[in-house]
Amino acid sequence: MNEIPVIETERLRLRPHRADDFQDMQALWGDPRTVRFIGGHVQDAQTVWFRLLRYAGMWALLGYGFWAIEDRETGAYLGDGGLMDGRRGIKLLDGAPEIGWALLPEAGGRGLATEFAAAVTGWADGTLKARVTRCIIEPDNAASLRVAEKAGYAEIGRAELGDKAVIVLERQAA
């Protein structure tokens, strides 16, 4: 896939990342509240820059990847999310795109992650040949577990990622 699609929902626009997202991404990934359930460590500027480059590269290599999530009305950056092949060494993830998302803490509690997940799974169902998508969520991340459940994900097992326990969830394509 050469062109990254733009997806619009009632309140969100999912668009390709741009170099000028870097500062907003630093705010997201440098916030301890964001990374609490995503590795647990804030990310420095170089790590965030490499993340931005990785997001762009996923699309070229896989035909899917992560989008910048922005407020459709204001254009404000809200976070990152999409699909990836993380090669995490977790057997239960092998062979399926993995959905993931991270929103700025101030964007939480309004159903935006649920709206995002519905848009991405709908896009995946209509575009990708994958019969399933999967995700991993730490057991204490109740908010993301609710988002995954609303998007149709169900637990298929548990695994370890680094020193953290994670729940592996799966969703069948519609």
N, C-alpha and C. Protein backbone atom coordinates (compact mmCIF):
# COMPACT_ATOMS: atom_id res chain seq x y z
N MET A 1 0.85 -1.18 0.00
CA MET A 1 0.00 0.00 0.00
C MET A 1 0.89 1.23 0.00
N ASN A 2 0.71 2.06 -0.99
CA ASN A 2 1.53 3.26 -1.09
C ASN A 2 0.89 4.46 -0.41
N GLU A 3 -0.42 4.53 -0.43
CA GLU A 3 -1.10 5.68 0.16
C GLU A 3 -1.78 5.26 1.45
N ILE A 4 -1.50 6.00 2.50
CA ILE A 4 -2.09 5.72 3.81
C ILE A 4 -3.49 6.33 3.82
N PRO A 5 -4.51 5.52 4.11
CA PRO A 5 -5.87 6.06 4.08
C PRO A 5 -6.12 7.02 5.24
N VAL A 6 -7.04 7.93 5.01
CA VAL A 6 -7.56 8.79 6.07
C VAL A 6 -8.95 8.26 6.40
N ILE A 7 -9.20 8.05 7.69
CA ILE A 7 -10.49 7.55 8.14
C ILE A 7 -11.12 8.61 9.03
N GLU A 8 -12.37 8.93 8.76
CA GLU A 8 -13.08 9.89 9.61
C GLU A 8 -14.26 9.21 10.28
N THR A 9 -14.43 9.55 11.55
CA THR A 9 -15.58 9.10 12.33
C THR A 9 -16.34 10.35 12.75
N GLU A 10 -17.32 10.17 13.60
CA GLU A 10 -18.09 11.33 14.05
C GLU A 10 -17.20 12.39 14.69
N ARG A 11 -16.23 11.96 15.50
CA ARG A 11 -15.40 12.93 16.24
C ARG A 11 -13.91 12.86 15.93
N LEU A 12 -13.49 11.86 15.19
CA LEU A 12 -12.06 11.64 14.98
C LEU A 12 -11.67 11.66 13.52
N ARG A 13 -10.42 11.99 13.28
CA ARG A 13 -9.79 11.80 11.97
C ARG A 13 -8.53 10.98 12.22
N LEU A 14 -8.41 9.86 11.54
CA LEU A 14 -7.19 9.04 11.58
C LEU A 14 -6.44 9.36 10.30
N ARG A 15 -5.24 9.87 10.45
CA ARG A 15 -4.48 10.34 9.29
C ARG A 15 -3.04 9.89 9.40
N PRO A 16 -2.31 9.93 8.28
CA PRO A 16 -0.89 9.58 8.34
C PRO A 16 -0.14 10.52 9.29
N HIS A 17 0.86 9.98 9.94
CA HIS A 17 1.72 10.83 10.77
C HIS A 17 2.54 11.76 9.88
N ARG A 18 2.88 12.91 10.45
CA ARG A 18 3.74 13.89 9.78
C ARG A 18 4.91 14.20 10.71
N ALA A 19 5.97 14.72 10.15
CA ALA A 19 7.13 15.09 10.97
C ALA A 19 6.75 16.09 12.05
N ASP A 20 5.78 16.96 11.75
CA ASP A 20 5.40 17.96 12.74
C ASP A 20 4.53 17.41 13.87
N ASP A 21 4.26 16.10 13.86
CA ASP A 21 3.60 15.45 15.00
C ASP A 21 4.58 15.17 16.13
N PHE A 22 5.86 15.31 15.85
CA PHE A 22 6.89 14.91 16.81
C PHE A 22 6.71 15.54 18.19
N GLN A 23 6.47 16.82 18.26
CA GLN A 23 6.33 17.48 19.56
C GLN A 23 5.12 16.94 20.32
N ASP A 24 4.00 16.77 19.63
CA ASP A 24 2.81 16.21 20.28
C ASP A 24 3.06 14.77 20.73
N MET A 25 3.78 14.02 19.91
CA MET A 25 4.10 12.64 20.28
C MET A 25 5.00 12.60 21.51
N GLN A 26 5.92 13.56 21.61
CA GLN A 26 6.77 13.62 22.80
C GLN A 26 5.93 13.85 24.05
N ALA A 27 4.91 14.70 23.94
CA ALA A 27 4.02 14.94 25.08
C ALA A 27 3.27 13.66 25.45
N LEU A 28 2.79 12.93 24.45
CA LEU A 28 2.06 11.69 24.70
C LEU A 28 2.96 10.64 25.34
N TRP A 29 4.07 10.33 24.70
CA TRP A 29 4.92 9.22 25.13
C TRP A 29 5.85 9.60 26.28
N GLY A 30 5.93 10.87 26.60
CA GLY A 30 6.71 11.32 27.74
C GLY A 30 5.89 11.47 29.01
N ASP A 31 4.60 11.15 28.93
CA ASP A 31 3.70 11.29 30.07
C ASP A 31 3.58 9.94 30.79
N PRO A 32 3.92 9.89 32.07
CA PRO A 32 3.83 8.62 32.82
C PRO A 32 2.43 8.01 32.80
N ARG A 33 1.40 8.84 32.68
CA ARG A 33 0.03 8.30 32.64
C ARG A 33 -0.22 7.53 31.35
N THR A 34 0.41 7.95 30.25
CA THR A 34 0.25 7.25 28.98
C THR A 34 0.91 5.88 29.03
N VAL A 35 2.13 5.84 29.53
CA VAL A 35 2.92 4.61 29.44
C VAL A 35 2.72 3.67 30.62
N ARG A 36 1.88 4.06 31.55
CA ARG A 36 1.65 3.22 32.74
C ARG A 36 1.38 1.77 32.37
N PHE A 37 0.56 1.55 31.35
CA PHE A 37 0.23 0.19 30.91
C PHE A 37 0.86 -0.16 29.57
N ILE A 38 1.79 0.66 29.10
CA ILE A 38 2.45 0.41 27.82
C ILE A 38 3.96 0.47 28.08
N GLY A 39 4.45 -0.54 28.72
CA GLY A 39 5.88 -0.62 29.00
C GLY A 39 6.31 -0.01 30.31
N GLY A 40 5.57 0.99 30.79
CA GLY A 40 5.84 1.56 32.10
C GLY A 40 6.93 2.60 32.17
N HIS A 41 7.57 2.92 31.04
CA HIS A 41 8.68 3.89 31.06
C HIS A 41 8.40 5.01 30.06
N VAL A 42 8.57 6.25 30.50
CA VAL A 42 8.44 7.37 29.56
C VAL A 42 9.53 7.26 28.51
N GLN A 43 9.26 7.81 27.35
CA GLN A 43 10.19 7.70 26.24
C GLN A 43 10.88 9.03 25.98
N ASP A 44 12.18 8.97 25.73
CA ASP A 44 12.95 10.18 25.43
C ASP A 44 12.73 10.58 23.97
N ALA A 45 13.28 11.74 23.61
CA ALA A 45 13.05 12.30 22.28
C ALA A 45 13.50 11.35 21.17
N GLN A 46 14.66 10.72 21.32
CA GLN A 46 15.14 9.82 20.27
C GLN A 46 14.20 8.63 20.10
N THR A 47 13.74 8.06 21.20
CA THR A 47 12.83 6.91 21.13
C THR A 47 11.52 7.30 20.46
N VAL A 48 11.01 8.48 20.77
CA VAL A 48 9.77 8.95 20.14
C VAL A 48 10.00 9.21 18.65
N TRP A 49 11.15 9.78 18.29
CA TRP A 49 11.46 10.02 16.88
C TRP A 49 11.51 8.69 16.12
N PHE A 50 12.17 7.69 16.70
CA PHE A 50 12.22 6.38 16.05
C PHE A 50 10.82 5.77 15.96
N ARG A 51 9.98 6.01 16.93
CA ARG A 51 8.59 5.54 16.89
C ARG A 51 7.88 6.18 15.69
N LEU A 52 8.04 7.47 15.51
CA LEU A 52 7.43 8.18 14.38
C LEU A 52 7.91 7.59 13.05
N LEU A 53 9.20 7.34 12.94
CA LEU A 53 9.74 6.73 11.72
C LEU A 53 9.20 5.32 11.51
N ARG A 54 9.08 4.56 12.60
CA ARG A 54 8.54 3.20 12.52
C ARG A 54 7.09 3.23 12.03
N TYR A 55 6.31 4.18 12.53
CA TYR A 55 4.92 4.28 12.08
C TYR A 55 4.85 4.47 10.57
N ALA A 56 5.69 5.33 10.02
CA ALA A 56 5.69 5.56 8.58
C ALA A 56 6.11 4.31 7.82
N GLY A 57 7.09 3.60 8.34
CA GLY A 57 7.60 2.41 7.66
C GLY A 57 6.66 1.23 7.65
N MET A 58 5.82 1.11 8.67
CA MET A 58 4.88 -0.02 8.72
C MET A 58 4.01 -0.08 7.47
N TRP A 59 3.51 1.08 7.07
CA TRP A 59 2.61 1.11 5.92
C TRP A 59 3.30 0.62 4.65
N ALA A 60 4.53 1.02 4.44
CA ALA A 60 5.27 0.63 3.24
C ALA A 60 5.54 -0.87 3.22
N LEU A 61 5.84 -1.44 4.37
CA LEU A 61 6.21 -2.85 4.43
C LEU A 61 5.03 -3.79 4.59
N LEU A 62 4.00 -3.36 5.31
CA LEU A 62 2.91 -4.26 5.68
C LEU A 62 1.58 -3.96 4.98
N GLY A 63 1.42 -2.74 4.51
CA GLY A 63 0.12 -2.34 3.96
C GLY A 63 -0.87 -1.92 5.02
N TYR A 64 -0.43 -1.86 6.25
CA TYR A 64 -1.21 -1.33 7.37
C TYR A 64 -0.25 -0.77 8.39
N GLY A 65 -0.77 -0.04 9.34
CA GLY A 65 0.09 0.58 10.33
C GLY A 65 -0.68 1.45 11.29
N PHE A 66 0.02 2.44 11.84
CA PHE A 66 -0.58 3.34 12.83
C PHE A 66 -0.91 4.68 12.19
N TRP A 67 -1.96 5.29 12.71
CA TRP A 67 -2.38 6.62 12.31
C TRP A 67 -2.15 7.59 13.47
N ALA A 68 -2.04 8.86 13.13
CA ALA A 68 -2.21 9.91 14.14
C ALA A 68 -3.72 10.06 14.33
N ILE A 69 -4.13 10.14 15.57
CA ILE A 69 -5.55 10.32 15.90
C ILE A 69 -5.74 11.79 16.24
N GLU A 70 -6.63 12.45 15.51
CA GLU A 70 -6.86 13.86 15.81
C GLU A 70 -8.34 14.15 15.95
N ASP A 71 -8.63 15.24 16.63
CA ASP A 71 -9.99 15.73 16.78
C ASP A 71 -10.46 16.20 15.40
N ARG A 72 -11.55 15.64 14.93
CA ARG A 72 -12.02 15.96 13.58
C ARG A 72 -12.40 17.43 13.45
N GLU A 73 -12.95 18.00 14.49
CA GLU A 73 -13.40 19.40 14.42
C GLU A 73 -12.25 20.39 14.52
N THR A 74 -11.34 20.16 15.46
CA THR A 74 -10.28 21.15 15.73
C THR A 74 -8.94 20.81 15.09
N GLY A 75 -8.74 19.55 14.71
CA GLY A 75 -7.45 19.12 14.18
C GLY A 75 -6.41 18.86 15.26
N ALA A 76 -6.80 18.95 16.52
CA ALA A 76 -5.85 18.73 17.62
C ALA A 76 -5.43 17.27 17.66
N TYR A 77 -4.14 17.06 17.85
CA TYR A 77 -3.57 15.71 17.99
C TYR A 77 -4.06 15.12 19.31
N LEU A 78 -4.57 13.88 19.26
CA LEU A 78 -5.08 13.20 20.45
C LEU A 78 -4.29 11.96 20.81
N GLY A 79 -3.56 11.38 19.85
CA GLY A 79 -2.82 10.17 20.14
C GLY A 79 -2.43 9.42 18.89
N ASP A 80 -2.05 8.15 19.10
CA ASP A 80 -1.61 7.26 18.03
C ASP A 80 -2.36 5.95 18.15
N GLY A 81 -2.61 5.32 17.02
CA GLY A 81 -3.22 3.99 17.07
C GLY A 81 -3.31 3.38 15.70
N GLY A 82 -3.46 2.07 15.68
CA GLY A 82 -3.59 1.37 14.42
C GLY A 82 -3.31 -0.10 14.57
N LEU A 83 -2.75 -0.67 13.52
CA LEU A 83 -2.46 -2.10 13.45
C LEU A 83 -0.98 -2.29 13.19
N MET A 84 -0.43 -3.35 13.76
CA MET A 84 1.00 -3.61 13.57
C MET A 84 1.28 -5.10 13.59
N ASP A 85 2.48 -5.44 13.16
CA ASP A 85 3.05 -6.77 13.32
C ASP A 85 4.28 -6.56 14.18
N GLY A 86 4.13 -6.74 15.49
CA GLY A 86 5.18 -6.38 16.43
C GLY A 86 6.26 -7.42 16.64
N ARG A 87 6.07 -8.63 16.12
CA ARG A 87 7.06 -9.70 16.31
C ARG A 87 7.55 -9.73 17.76
N ARG A 88 6.60 -9.79 18.68
CA ARG A 88 6.89 -9.67 20.10
C ARG A 88 7.39 -10.95 20.75
N GLY A 89 7.37 -12.05 20.02
CA GLY A 89 7.77 -13.32 20.62
C GLY A 89 6.66 -13.94 21.45
N ILE A 90 5.43 -13.50 21.25
CA ILE A 90 4.26 -14.08 21.91
C ILE A 90 3.54 -14.91 20.87
N LYS A 91 3.58 -16.23 21.04
CA LYS A 91 3.03 -17.13 20.03
C LYS A 91 1.56 -16.83 19.69
N LEU A 92 0.79 -16.45 20.69
CA LEU A 92 -0.63 -16.17 20.45
C LEU A 92 -0.86 -14.97 19.53
N LEU A 93 0.14 -14.14 19.34
CA LEU A 93 0.01 -12.99 18.44
C LEU A 93 0.42 -13.30 17.01
N ASP A 94 1.13 -14.40 16.81
CA ASP A 94 1.68 -14.73 15.49
C ASP A 94 0.58 -14.84 14.44
N GLY A 95 0.84 -14.27 13.28
CA GLY A 95 -0.02 -14.46 12.13
C GLY A 95 -1.23 -13.55 12.06
N ALA A 96 -1.33 -12.56 12.94
CA ALA A 96 -2.49 -11.67 12.89
C ALA A 96 -2.05 -10.24 13.18
N PRO A 97 -2.63 -9.28 12.48
CA PRO A 97 -2.35 -7.88 12.84
C PRO A 97 -2.79 -7.62 14.28
N GLU A 98 -2.03 -6.79 14.95
CA GLU A 98 -2.29 -6.45 16.36
C GLU A 98 -2.74 -4.99 16.44
N ILE A 99 -3.91 -4.76 17.00
CA ILE A 99 -4.40 -3.39 17.18
C ILE A 99 -3.82 -2.81 18.47
N GLY A 100 -3.54 -1.52 18.42
CA GLY A 100 -3.06 -0.82 19.61
C GLY A 100 -3.41 0.65 19.53
N TRP A 101 -3.47 1.30 20.69
CA TRP A 101 -3.81 2.71 20.73
C TRP A 101 -3.25 3.35 22.00
N ALA A 102 -3.02 4.64 21.91
CA ALA A 102 -2.63 5.45 23.06
C ALA A 102 -3.16 6.85 22.84
N LEU A 103 -3.94 7.33 23.79
CA LEU A 103 -4.50 8.68 23.71
C LEU A 103 -3.90 9.54 24.81
N LEU A 104 -3.80 10.83 24.55
CA LEU A 104 -3.40 11.76 25.59
C LEU A 104 -4.33 11.58 26.79
N PRO A 105 -3.82 11.62 28.00
CA PRO A 105 -4.67 11.41 29.18
C PRO A 105 -5.90 12.32 29.20
N GLU A 106 -5.75 13.56 28.77
CA GLU A 106 -6.89 14.47 28.79
C GLU A 106 -7.96 14.11 27.76
N ALA A 107 -7.66 13.21 26.84
CA ALA A 107 -8.65 12.75 25.85
C ALA A 107 -9.44 11.54 26.35
N GLY A 108 -9.08 11.03 27.51
CA GLY A 108 -9.73 9.83 28.04
C GLY A 108 -11.12 10.10 28.59
N GLY A 109 -11.87 9.02 28.74
CA GLY A 109 -13.17 9.09 29.39
C GLY A 109 -14.31 9.62 28.54
N ARG A 110 -14.08 9.79 27.25
CA ARG A 110 -15.14 10.33 26.38
C ARG A 110 -15.56 9.35 25.29
N GLY A 111 -15.07 8.12 25.35
CA GLY A 111 -15.42 7.13 24.34
C GLY A 111 -14.62 7.23 23.06
N LEU A 112 -13.57 8.04 23.05
CA LEU A 112 -12.79 8.22 21.82
C LEU A 112 -12.01 6.96 21.44
N ALA A 113 -11.48 6.25 22.42
CA ALA A 113 -10.76 5.00 22.11
C ALA A 113 -11.71 3.97 21.52
N THR A 114 -12.93 3.91 22.03
CA THR A 114 -13.93 2.99 21.49
C THR A 114 -14.28 3.37 20.05
N GLU A 115 -14.43 4.66 19.80
CA GLU A 115 -14.72 5.14 18.44
C GLU A 115 -13.56 4.81 17.50
N PHE A 116 -12.34 5.00 17.99
CA PHE A 116 -11.14 4.66 17.22
C PHE A 116 -11.13 3.17 16.88
N ALA A 117 -11.32 2.32 17.89
CA ALA A 117 -11.25 0.87 17.68
C ALA A 117 -12.30 0.40 16.69
N ALA A 118 -13.50 0.95 16.76
CA ALA A 118 -14.55 0.58 15.80
C ALA A 118 -14.14 0.97 14.38
N ALA A 119 -13.54 2.14 14.23
CA ALA A 119 -13.12 2.59 12.90
C ALA A 119 -12.01 1.71 12.33
N VAL A 120 -11.04 1.37 13.16
CA VAL A 120 -9.90 0.57 12.68
C VAL A 120 -10.32 -0.86 12.38
N THR A 121 -11.14 -1.46 13.24
CA THR A 121 -11.57 -2.83 12.95
C THR A 121 -12.48 -2.86 11.72
N GLY A 122 -13.29 -1.83 11.54
CA GLY A 122 -14.10 -1.75 10.33
C GLY A 122 -13.24 -1.64 9.08
N TRP A 123 -12.20 -0.80 9.15
CA TRP A 123 -11.27 -0.67 8.03
C TRP A 123 -10.57 -2.00 7.77
N ALA A 124 -10.10 -2.64 8.82
CA ALA A 124 -9.39 -3.92 8.68
C ALA A 124 -10.30 -4.97 8.05
N ASP A 125 -11.54 -5.04 8.51
CA ASP A 125 -12.48 -6.02 7.96
C ASP A 125 -12.70 -5.80 6.47
N GLY A 126 -12.75 -4.55 6.05
CA GLY A 126 -13.02 -4.26 4.66
C GLY A 126 -11.81 -4.24 3.75
N THR A 127 -10.61 -4.17 4.33
CA THR A 127 -9.40 -3.97 3.53
C THR A 127 -8.41 -5.11 3.61
N LEU A 128 -8.18 -5.62 4.80
CA LEU A 128 -7.16 -6.65 4.99
C LEU A 128 -7.73 -8.04 4.74
N LYS A 129 -6.86 -8.95 4.42
CA LYS A 129 -7.27 -10.34 4.21
C LYS A 129 -7.27 -11.14 5.52
N ALA A 130 -6.85 -10.51 6.60
CA ALA A 130 -6.75 -11.21 7.88
C ALA A 130 -8.14 -11.60 8.38
N ARG A 131 -8.26 -12.85 8.82
CA ARG A 131 -9.55 -13.29 9.36
C ARG A 131 -9.71 -12.92 10.82
N VAL A 132 -8.59 -12.58 11.49
CA VAL A 132 -8.64 -12.14 12.88
C VAL A 132 -7.66 -10.99 13.09
N THR A 133 -7.93 -10.19 14.10
CA THR A 133 -6.95 -9.25 14.64
C THR A 133 -6.85 -9.57 16.13
N ARG A 134 -5.71 -9.19 16.71
CA ARG A 134 -5.48 -9.49 18.12
C ARG A 134 -4.97 -8.24 18.82
N CYS A 135 -4.97 -8.29 20.13
CA CYS A 135 -4.37 -7.21 20.92
C CYS A 135 -3.89 -7.78 22.24
N ILE A 136 -3.00 -7.04 22.88
CA ILE A 136 -2.54 -7.40 24.22
C ILE A 136 -2.80 -6.22 25.14
N ILE A 137 -3.27 -6.54 26.34
CA ILE A 137 -3.60 -5.51 27.32
C ILE A 137 -3.20 -6.03 28.69
N GLU A 138 -2.58 -5.17 29.49
CA GLU A 138 -2.24 -5.55 30.86
C GLU A 138 -3.52 -5.74 31.67
N PRO A 139 -3.55 -6.74 32.55
CA PRO A 139 -4.77 -7.06 33.30
C PRO A 139 -5.34 -5.90 34.11
N ASP A 140 -4.50 -4.99 34.58
CA ASP A 140 -4.99 -3.86 35.38
C ASP A 140 -5.52 -2.70 34.54
N ASN A 141 -5.41 -2.79 33.22
CA ASN A 141 -5.85 -1.70 32.35
C ASN A 141 -7.34 -1.88 32.01
N ALA A 142 -8.18 -1.61 33.00
CA ALA A 142 -9.62 -1.84 32.86
C ALA A 142 -10.21 -1.03 31.71
N ALA A 143 -9.77 0.20 31.51
CA ALA A 143 -10.34 1.03 30.44
C ALA A 143 -10.09 0.41 29.07
N SER A 144 -8.86 -0.03 28.80
CA SER A 144 -8.57 -0.63 27.49
C SER A 144 -9.25 -1.98 27.33
N LEU A 145 -9.39 -2.72 28.41
CA LEU A 145 -10.12 -3.99 28.32
C LEU A 145 -11.58 -3.74 27.93
N ARG A 146 -12.18 -2.67 28.45
CA ARG A 146 -13.56 -2.32 28.07
C ARG A 146 -13.63 -1.92 26.59
N VAL A 147 -12.65 -1.14 26.14
CA VAL A 147 -12.61 -0.75 24.73
C VAL A 147 -12.53 -1.99 23.84
N ALA A 148 -11.62 -2.89 24.18
CA ALA A 148 -11.45 -4.12 23.38
C ALA A 148 -12.73 -4.94 23.36
N GLU A 149 -13.36 -5.08 24.51
CA GLU A 149 -14.61 -5.86 24.57
C GLU A 149 -15.68 -5.23 23.69
N LYS A 150 -15.82 -3.91 23.75
CA LYS A 150 -16.82 -3.23 22.91
C LYS A 150 -16.52 -3.40 21.43
N ALA A 151 -15.24 -3.54 21.08
CA ALA A 151 -14.84 -3.73 19.68
C ALA A 151 -14.96 -5.19 19.23
N GLY A 152 -15.34 -6.08 20.15
CA GLY A 152 -15.55 -7.48 19.79
C GLY A 152 -14.41 -8.41 20.12
N TYR A 153 -13.43 -7.96 20.90
CA TYR A 153 -12.30 -8.80 21.28
C TYR A 153 -12.65 -9.64 22.50
N ALA A 154 -12.15 -10.88 22.51
CA ALA A 154 -12.34 -11.79 23.64
C ALA A 154 -11.00 -12.43 23.98
N GLU A 155 -10.81 -12.72 25.23
CA GLU A 155 -9.55 -13.31 25.69
C GLU A 155 -9.33 -14.69 25.08
N ILE A 156 -8.09 -14.91 24.60
CA ILE A 156 -7.72 -16.24 24.11
C ILE A 156 -6.55 -16.81 24.89
N GLY A 157 -5.99 -16.03 25.80
CA GLY A 157 -4.88 -16.54 26.60
C GLY A 157 -4.16 -15.43 27.33
N ARG A 158 -3.12 -15.85 28.03
CA ARG A 158 -2.27 -14.92 28.78
C ARG A 158 -0.83 -15.17 28.37
N ALA A 159 -0.01 -14.14 28.52
CA ALA A 159 1.40 -14.26 28.14
C ALA A 159 2.21 -13.28 28.98
N GLU A 160 3.52 -13.36 28.80
CA GLU A 160 4.44 -12.42 29.43
C GLU A 160 5.07 -11.57 28.33
N LEU A 161 5.15 -10.27 28.56
CA LEU A 161 5.85 -9.36 27.67
C LEU A 161 6.85 -8.61 28.53
N GLY A 162 8.12 -8.96 28.37
CA GLY A 162 9.13 -8.43 29.28
C GLY A 162 8.84 -8.95 30.68
N ASP A 163 8.69 -8.05 31.61
CA ASP A 163 8.38 -8.46 32.98
C ASP A 163 6.91 -8.24 33.34
N LYS A 164 6.06 -8.08 32.32
CA LYS A 164 4.64 -7.80 32.54
C LYS A 164 3.77 -8.94 32.03
N ALA A 165 2.72 -9.22 32.79
CA ALA A 165 1.69 -10.15 32.33
C ALA A 165 0.75 -9.39 31.41
N VAL A 166 0.31 -10.03 30.34
CA VAL A 166 -0.65 -9.42 29.42
C VAL A 166 -1.74 -10.43 29.08
N ILE A 167 -2.90 -9.90 28.79
CA ILE A 167 -4.01 -10.69 28.28
C ILE A 167 -3.97 -10.57 26.76
N VAL A 168 -4.08 -11.69 26.07
CA VAL A 168 -4.13 -11.70 24.61
C VAL A 168 -5.59 -11.86 24.21
N LEU A 169 -6.06 -10.95 23.38
CA LEU A 169 -7.46 -10.96 22.95
C LEU A 169 -7.52 -11.08 21.43
N GLU A 170 -8.63 -11.61 20.95
CA GLU A 170 -8.80 -11.83 19.51
C GLU A 170 -10.20 -11.41 19.09
N ARG A 171 -10.27 -10.92 17.85
CA ARG A 171 -11.55 -10.54 17.25
C ARG A 171 -11.61 -11.16 15.86
N GLN A 172 -12.71 -11.82 15.57
CA GLN A 172 -12.95 -12.39 14.24
C GLN A 172 -13.40 -11.28 13.29
N ALA A 173 -12.91 -11.29 12.07
CA ALA A 173 -13.35 -10.31 11.08
C ALA A 173 -14.84 -10.49 10.81
N ALA A 174 -15.51 -9.39 10.56
CA ALA A 174 -16.96 -9.45 10.29
C ALA A 174 -17.23 -10.02 8.91
